[in-house]
Amino acid sequence: MLERGAELQARDLAAEPLSAEELDALIGARDYRQFLNTRNQLYREENMAEHPPSRAEAIRRMAREPNLIRRPIVISGGKIVLGYNEPALEGLVAGGKSKKKKAVR
């Protein structure tokens, strides 16, 4: 993305985790399960694919355990791309009116 001229505002979740309130606002009306990191050990141990936590519980757990959040999260305007999805990320860069993007890693 940087090679394409995008400006990124990054946030390292290990150093500065998202609060439950921030996660709730970020997820908005989207399906919260898309924000869960399916590769995370806790996700697999608790079989969250078959038995997902409630939205409130998932947000609480993601706030407490940032590795449970699928990353990167790239936000441009009202659009969000979760995980490394090269075509979707390219679409944000190519289609975005502003070059400034937010990325959470």
C-alpha atoms as a PDB file:
ATOM      1  CA  MET A   1       0.000   0.000   0.000  1.00  0.00           C
ATOM      2  CA  LEU A   2       2.822   2.345   0.814  1.00  0.00           C
ATOM      3  CA  GLU A   3       4.363   1.691  -2.603  1.00  0.00           C
ATOM      4  CA  ARG A   4       1.066   2.878  -4.148  1.00  0.00           C
ATOM      5  CA  GLY A   5       1.251   6.204  -2.331  1.00  0.00           C
ATOM      6  CA  ALA A   6      -1.105   5.463   0.551  1.00  0.00           C
ATOM      7  CA  GLU A   7      -0.410   7.185   3.842  1.00  0.00           C
ATOM      8  CA  LEU A   8      -0.972   4.930   6.835  1.00  0.00           C
ATOM      9  CA  GLN A   9      -1.793   5.803  10.406  1.00  0.00           C
ATOM     10  CA  ALA A  10      -0.796   2.622  12.268  1.00  0.00           C
ATOM     11  CA  ARG A  11      -1.681   1.418  15.743  1.00  0.00           C
ATOM     12  CA  ASP A  12       0.197  -1.447  17.379  1.00  0.00           C
ATOM     13  CA  LEU A  13      -2.383  -3.369  19.401  1.00  0.00           C
ATOM     14  CA  ALA A  14       0.292  -4.976  21.569  1.00  0.00           C
ATOM     15  CA  ALA A  15       1.390  -1.554  22.772  1.00  0.00           C
ATOM     16  CA  GLU A  16      -1.996   0.204  22.589  1.00  0.00           C
ATOM     17  CA  PRO A  17      -4.916  -2.257  22.688  1.00  0.00           C
ATOM     18  CA  LEU A  18      -8.379  -1.265  21.518  1.00  0.00           C
ATOM     19  CA  SER A  19     -10.901  -0.765  24.298  1.00  0.00           C
ATOM     20  CA  ALA A  20     -14.242  -2.556  24.277  1.00  0.00           C
ATOM     21  CA  GLU A  21     -15.883   0.760  23.371  1.00  0.00           C
ATOM     22  CA  GLU A  22     -13.501   1.277  20.436  1.00  0.00           C
ATOM     23  CA  LEU A  23     -14.094  -2.267  19.200  1.00  0.00           C
ATOM     24  CA  ASP A  24     -17.856  -1.856  19.470  1.00  0.00           C
ATOM     25  CA  ALA A  25     -17.702   1.348  17.403  1.00  0.00           C
ATOM     26  CA  LEU A  26     -15.287  -0.195  14.881  1.00  0.00           C
ATOM     27  CA  ILE A  27     -17.446  -3.274  14.372  1.00  0.00           C
ATOM     28  CA  GLY A  28     -20.630  -1.224  14.210  1.00  0.00           C
ATOM     29  CA  ALA A  29     -23.409  -3.123  12.416  1.00  0.00           C
ATOM     30  CA  ARG A  30     -20.942  -5.590  10.853  1.00  0.00           C
ATOM     31  CA  ASP A  31     -20.818  -9.246  11.847  1.00  0.00           C
ATOM     32  CA  TYR A  32     -18.502  -9.272  14.878  1.00  0.00           C
ATOM     33  CA  ARG A  33     -17.429 -12.852  14.090  1.00  0.00           C
ATOM     34  CA  GLN A  34     -15.509 -11.564  11.051  1.00  0.00           C
ATOM     35  CA  PHE A  35     -13.226  -9.698  13.479  1.00  0.00           C
ATOM     36  CA  LEU A  36     -12.209 -12.868  15.331  1.00  0.00           C
ATOM     37  CA  ASN A  37      -8.804 -14.276  14.435  1.00  0.00           C
ATOM     38  CA  THR A  38      -9.476 -17.874  13.409  1.00  0.00           C
ATOM     39  CA  ARG A  39      -5.763 -18.683  13.758  1.00  0.00           C
ATOM     40  CA  ASN A  40      -5.655 -17.664  17.403  1.00  0.00           C
ATOM     41  CA  GLN A  41      -5.047 -20.471  19.900  1.00  0.00           C
ATOM     42  CA  LEU A  42      -7.936 -19.398  22.164  1.00  0.00           C
ATOM     43  CA  TYR A  43     -10.294 -19.306  19.159  1.00  0.00           C
ATOM     44  CA  ARG A  44      -9.342 -22.883  18.279  1.00  0.00           C
ATOM     45  CA  GLU A  45      -9.246 -24.210  21.868  1.00  0.00           C
ATOM     46  CA  GLU A  46     -12.739 -22.918  22.576  1.00  0.00           C
ATOM     47  CA  ASN A  47     -14.055 -24.020  19.164  1.00  0.00           C
ATOM     48  CA  MET A  48     -15.421 -20.546  18.460  1.00  0.00           C
ATOM     49  CA  ALA A  49     -16.111 -21.527  14.865  1.00  0.00           C
ATOM     50  CA  GLU A  50     -18.817 -23.919  16.033  1.00  0.00           C
ATOM     51  CA  HIS A  51     -19.733 -22.113  19.251  1.00  0.00           C
ATOM     52  CA  PRO A  52     -19.075 -18.374  18.802  1.00  0.00           C
ATOM     53  CA  PRO A  53     -19.338 -16.158  21.864  1.00  0.00           C
ATOM     54  CA  SER A  54     -22.044 -13.512  21.999  1.00  0.00           C
ATOM     55  CA  ARG A  55     -21.178 -10.134  20.489  1.00  0.00           C
ATOM     56  CA  ALA A  56     -20.684  -8.574  23.936  1.00  0.00           C
ATOM     57  CA  GLU A  57     -18.488 -11.468  25.104  1.00  0.00           C
ATOM     58  CA  ALA A  58     -16.438 -11.436  21.875  1.00  0.00           C
ATOM     59  CA  ILE A  59     -15.808  -7.697  22.193  1.00  0.00           C
ATOM     60  CA  ARG A  60     -14.838  -8.065  25.847  1.00  0.00           C
ATOM     61  CA  ARG A  61     -12.430 -10.888  25.008  1.00  0.00           C
ATOM     62  CA  MET A  62     -10.890  -9.090  22.008  1.00  0.00           C
ATOM     63  CA  ALA A  63     -10.285  -6.031  24.202  1.00  0.00           C
ATOM     64  CA  ARG A  64      -8.581  -8.221  26.800  1.00  0.00           C
ATOM     65  CA  GLU A  65      -6.709 -10.431  24.280  1.00  0.00           C
ATOM     66  CA  PRO A  66      -5.708  -8.353  21.200  1.00  0.00           C
ATOM     67  CA  ASN A  67      -4.339 -11.441  19.422  1.00  0.00           C
ATOM     68  CA  LEU A  68      -7.935 -12.621  19.146  1.00  0.00           C
ATOM     69  CA  ILE A  69      -8.547  -9.738  16.698  1.00  0.00           C
ATOM     70  CA  ARG A  70      -8.086 -10.501  13.009  1.00  0.00           C
ATOM     71  CA  ARG A  71      -5.434  -8.220  11.539  1.00  0.00           C
ATOM     72  CA  PRO A  72      -4.527  -6.087   9.824  1.00  0.00           C
ATOM     73  CA  ILE A  73      -7.611  -3.920   9.920  1.00  0.00           C
ATOM     74  CA  VAL A  74      -7.402  -1.234   7.259  1.00  0.00           C
ATOM     75  CA  ILE A  75      -9.988   1.543   7.308  1.00  0.00           C
ATOM     76  CA  SER A  76     -10.613   4.036   4.537  1.00  0.00           C
ATOM     77  CA  GLY A  77     -13.694   6.184   4.881  1.00  0.00           C
ATOM     78  CA  GLY A  78     -16.508   3.819   5.782  1.00  0.00           C
ATOM     79  CA  LYS A  79     -14.807   0.768   4.263  1.00  0.00           C
ATOM     80  CA  ILE A  80     -12.899  -1.824   6.277  1.00  0.00           C
ATOM     81  CA  VAL A  81     -10.671  -4.645   5.058  1.00  0.00           C
ATOM     82  CA  LEU A  82      -9.925  -7.377   7.582  1.00  0.00           C
ATOM     83  CA  GLY A  83      -6.882  -9.595   7.290  1.00  0.00           C
ATOM     84  CA  TYR A  84      -4.382  -9.655   4.490  1.00  0.00           C
ATOM     85  CA  ASN A  85      -6.617  -9.564   1.420  1.00  0.00           C
ATOM     86  CA  GLU A  86      -4.436  -8.124  -1.323  1.00  0.00           C
ATOM     87  CA  PRO A  87      -7.194  -7.467  -3.904  1.00  0.00           C
ATOM     88  CA  ALA A  88      -9.392  -5.736  -1.313  1.00  0.00           C
ATOM     89  CA  LEU A  89      -6.460  -3.682  -0.023  1.00  0.00           C
ATOM     90  CA  GLU A  90      -5.536  -2.683  -3.586  1.00  0.00           C
ATOM     91  CA  GLY A  91      -9.156  -1.642  -4.102  1.00  0.00           C
ATOM     92  CA  LEU A  92      -8.991   0.660  -1.090  1.00  0.00           C
ATOM     93  CA  VAL A  93      -5.838   2.315  -2.381  1.00  0.00           C
ATOM     94  CA  ALA A  94      -7.073   2.609  -5.972  1.00  0.00           C
ATOM     95  CA  GLY A  95     -10.627   3.624  -5.115  1.00  0.00           C
ATOM     96  CA  GLY A  96      -9.977   5.878  -2.152  1.00  0.00           C
ATOM     97  CA  LYS A  97     -10.341   9.614  -2.694  1.00  0.00           C
ATOM     98  CA  SER A  98      -8.027  10.295   0.220  1.00  0.00           C
ATOM     99  CA  LYS A  99      -4.606   8.713   0.440  1.00  0.00           C
ATOM    100  CA  LYS A 100      -4.763   8.664   4.239  1.00  0.00           C
ATOM    101  CA  LYS A 101      -5.666   5.212   5.633  1.00  0.00           C
ATOM    102  CA  LYS A 102      -5.768   3.793   9.147  1.00  0.00           C
ATOM    103  CA  ALA A 103      -4.212   0.419   9.844  1.00  0.00           C
ATOM    104  CA  VAL A 104      -4.363  -1.645  13.006  1.00  0.00           C
ATOM    105  CA  ARG A 105      -1.765  -4.358  13.385  1.00  0.00           C
END
